Amino acid sequence: MKCIYCGGEESKVLDSRNSDETNSIRRRRECLVCGRRFTTYETIETTPILVIKNDGSRQSFSAEKLKAGIIKACEKRPVSISQIENIVSTIEKQIQNKLTKEIKSSQLGEMVMDALKDLDEVAYVRFASVYRQFKDLESFKKLLDNM
């Protein structure tokens, strides 16, 4: 690790701590050349997850985009932001634990709907109505009857 002050390549670790909010390790180091101290963060490098859209195109998975969609479905509902963040992180971990690095948008939508079904039924219906793109009242009634 290069020292940010003198460029020296030798340093020793004084303290290491897990940083839960960023899934990284914070290390306090001391340069063996100049003696100054600095902090580094180590994170696990992950390969990007691609979402296969309905038209066959691919785009990078975005936890923020997923979170925004869930927030929209949960508007004016008794669902906290921490519950929404928990859904997003759970889904992201499930995707990363799969052997493949691509996921169909339909699978992603089903994962969100499963999570919302247990959390808030109104948010579930809102998300499902946009996700499934109901064309008529009859298909919407079928969803409600299945609940």
Protein backbone atom coordinates (compact mmCIF):
# COMPACT_ATOMS: atom_id res chain seq x y z
CA MET A 1 0.00 0.00 0.00
CA LYS A 2 1.51 3.32 -1.07
CA CYS A 3 1.70 6.13 1.45
CA ILE A 4 -0.45 9.08 0.39
CA TYR A 5 2.15 11.52 1.75
CA CYS A 6 5.55 10.27 0.58
CA GLY A 7 4.70 7.44 -1.82
CA GLY A 8 6.55 4.89 0.30
CA GLU A 9 5.41 1.34 -0.36
CA GLU A 10 6.00 -0.08 3.11
CA SER A 11 3.42 0.39 5.85
CA LYS A 12 2.12 -1.46 8.86
CA VAL A 13 -1.48 -1.93 9.93
CA LEU A 14 -2.24 -0.37 13.31
CA ASP A 15 -5.97 -1.12 13.50
CA SER A 16 -8.59 -2.98 11.43
CA ARG A 17 -12.37 -2.61 11.75
CA ASN A 18 -15.35 -3.85 9.79
CA SER A 19 -17.43 -1.10 8.28
CA ASP A 20 -20.95 -2.55 8.14
CA GLU A 21 -22.57 0.21 6.11
CA THR A 22 -20.19 -0.22 3.16
CA ASN A 23 -19.27 -3.91 3.55
CA SER A 24 -15.62 -2.99 3.74
CA ILE A 25 -12.69 -3.19 6.13
CA ARG A 26 -11.21 0.04 7.46
CA ARG A 27 -7.48 -0.16 8.13
CA ARG A 28 -5.43 2.46 9.96
CA ARG A 29 -1.86 2.32 8.64
CA GLU A 30 1.49 3.88 9.48
CA CYS A 31 4.08 4.53 6.78
CA LEU A 32 7.43 2.94 7.62
CA VAL A 33 9.27 5.56 5.53
CA CYS A 34 7.86 8.89 6.79
CA GLY A 35 5.98 7.71 9.91
CA ARG A 36 2.71 9.43 9.00
CA ARG A 37 -0.62 7.68 9.44
CA PHE A 38 -3.41 7.21 6.91
CA THR A 39 -6.61 5.19 6.49
CA THR A 40 -7.45 2.70 3.74
CA TYR A 41 -10.63 0.79 2.96
CA GLU A 42 -10.73 -2.69 1.46
CA THR A 43 -13.84 -3.87 -0.36
CA ILE A 44 -14.67 -7.11 -2.09
CA GLU A 45 -14.56 -6.72 -5.84
CA THR A 46 -17.68 -8.12 -7.46
CA THR A 47 -18.47 -8.71 -11.09
CA PRO A 48 -21.36 -6.65 -12.39
CA ILE A 49 -24.79 -8.24 -12.54
CA LEU A 50 -26.64 -7.77 -15.82
CA VAL A 51 -30.43 -7.58 -16.06
CA ILE A 52 -31.91 -9.06 -19.23
CA LYS A 53 -34.83 -6.85 -20.23
CA ASN A 54 -37.97 -8.17 -21.98
CA ASP A 55 -36.70 -6.95 -25.37
CA GLY A 56 -33.46 -8.94 -24.92
CA SER A 57 -31.24 -5.96 -24.16
CA ARG A 58 -29.01 -5.99 -21.10
CA GLN A 59 -28.24 -3.33 -18.54
CA SER A 60 -26.31 -3.25 -15.29
CA PHE A 61 -28.23 -4.08 -12.14
CA SER A 62 -28.90 -0.96 -10.13
CA ALA A 63 -29.83 -1.30 -6.47
CA GLU A 64 -30.85 2.37 -6.51
CA LYS A 65 -33.27 1.82 -9.39
CA LEU A 66 -34.75 -1.19 -7.62
CA LYS A 67 -35.06 0.82 -4.40
CA ALA A 68 -36.78 3.68 -6.25
CA GLY A 69 -39.38 1.29 -7.68
CA ILE A 70 -40.12 -0.21 -4.29
CA ILE A 71 -40.34 3.25 -2.68
CA LYS A 72 -42.87 4.25 -5.33
CA ALA A 73 -45.00 1.18 -4.55
CA CYS A 74 -44.78 1.88 -0.79
CA GLU A 75 -45.73 5.57 -0.97
CA LYS A 76 -48.10 6.59 1.82
CA ARG A 77 -47.86 3.12 3.35
CA PRO A 78 -46.54 2.20 6.82
CA VAL A 79 -43.29 0.84 5.41
CA SER A 80 -40.02 2.25 6.72
CA ILE A 81 -37.01 3.04 4.56
CA SER A 82 -35.00 0.47 6.51
CA GLN A 83 -37.52 -2.23 5.52
CA ILE A 84 -37.18 -1.17 1.88
CA GLU A 85 -33.38 -1.17 2.11
CA ASN A 86 -33.55 -4.62 3.69
CA ILE A 87 -35.60 -5.92 0.72
CA VAL A 88 -33.11 -4.43 -1.74
CA SER A 89 -30.07 -5.86 0.04
CA THR A 90 -31.72 -9.28 0.41
CA ILE A 91 -32.56 -9.39 -3.30
CA GLU A 92 -29.08 -8.19 -4.24
CA LYS A 93 -27.49 -10.91 -2.08
CA GLN A 94 -29.76 -13.57 -3.60
CA ILE A 95 -28.70 -12.51 -7.09
CA GLN A 96 -25.01 -12.46 -6.18
CA ASN A 97 -25.26 -15.92 -4.61
CA LYS A 98 -26.50 -17.40 -7.88
CA LEU A 99 -23.88 -18.96 -10.11
CA THR A 100 -24.91 -16.84 -13.08
CA LYS A 101 -24.19 -13.12 -13.37
CA GLU A 102 -27.31 -12.39 -15.41
CA ILE A 103 -30.93 -12.30 -14.31
CA LYS A 104 -34.11 -11.77 -16.28
CA SER A 105 -36.12 -8.70 -15.34
CA SER A 106 -39.14 -10.97 -14.88
CA GLN A 107 -37.28 -12.96 -12.20
CA LEU A 108 -36.26 -9.75 -10.50
CA GLY A 109 -39.85 -8.50 -10.53
CA GLU A 110 -41.08 -11.76 -9.00
CA MET A 111 -38.49 -11.48 -6.23
CA VAL A 112 -39.72 -7.97 -5.41
CA MET A 113 -43.35 -9.06 -5.48
CA ASP A 114 -42.63 -11.97 -3.13
CA ALA A 115 -40.97 -9.61 -0.66
CA LEU A 116 -43.75 -7.01 -0.88
CA LYS A 117 -46.48 -9.62 -0.52
CA ASP A 118 -45.17 -10.45 2.96
CA LEU A 119 -44.53 -6.82 3.88
CA ASP A 120 -47.55 -4.83 2.67
CA GLU A 121 -50.39 -6.07 0.46
CA VAL A 122 -51.25 -2.63 -0.93
CA ALA A 123 -47.63 -2.04 -1.97
CA TYR A 124 -47.65 -5.52 -3.50
CA VAL A 125 -50.75 -4.73 -5.60
CA ARG A 126 -49.29 -1.38 -6.68
CA PHE A 127 -46.02 -2.95 -7.78
CA ALA A 128 -47.81 -5.85 -9.49
CA SER A 129 -50.11 -3.52 -11.41
CA VAL A 130 -47.14 -1.69 -12.94
CA TYR A 131 -44.91 -4.76 -13.29
CA ARG A 132 -47.54 -6.99 -14.91
CA GLN A 133 -48.99 -4.14 -16.99
CA PHE A 134 -52.64 -5.09 -16.56
CA LYS A 135 -54.62 -4.29 -19.68
CA ASP A 136 -58.09 -4.82 -18.24
CA LEU A 137 -59.94 -5.05 -14.96
CA GLU A 138 -60.41 -8.84 -15.24
CA SER A 139 -56.69 -9.62 -15.07
CA PHE A 140 -56.37 -7.27 -12.10
CA LYS A 141 -59.25 -9.08 -10.34
CA LYS A 142 -57.46 -12.40 -10.88
CA LEU A 143 -54.44 -11.10 -8.99
CA LEU A 144 -56.62 -9.96 -6.10
CA ASP A 145 -58.50 -13.27 -6.03
CA ASN A 146 -55.22 -15.19 -5.80
CA MET A 147 -54.29 -13.23 -2.69
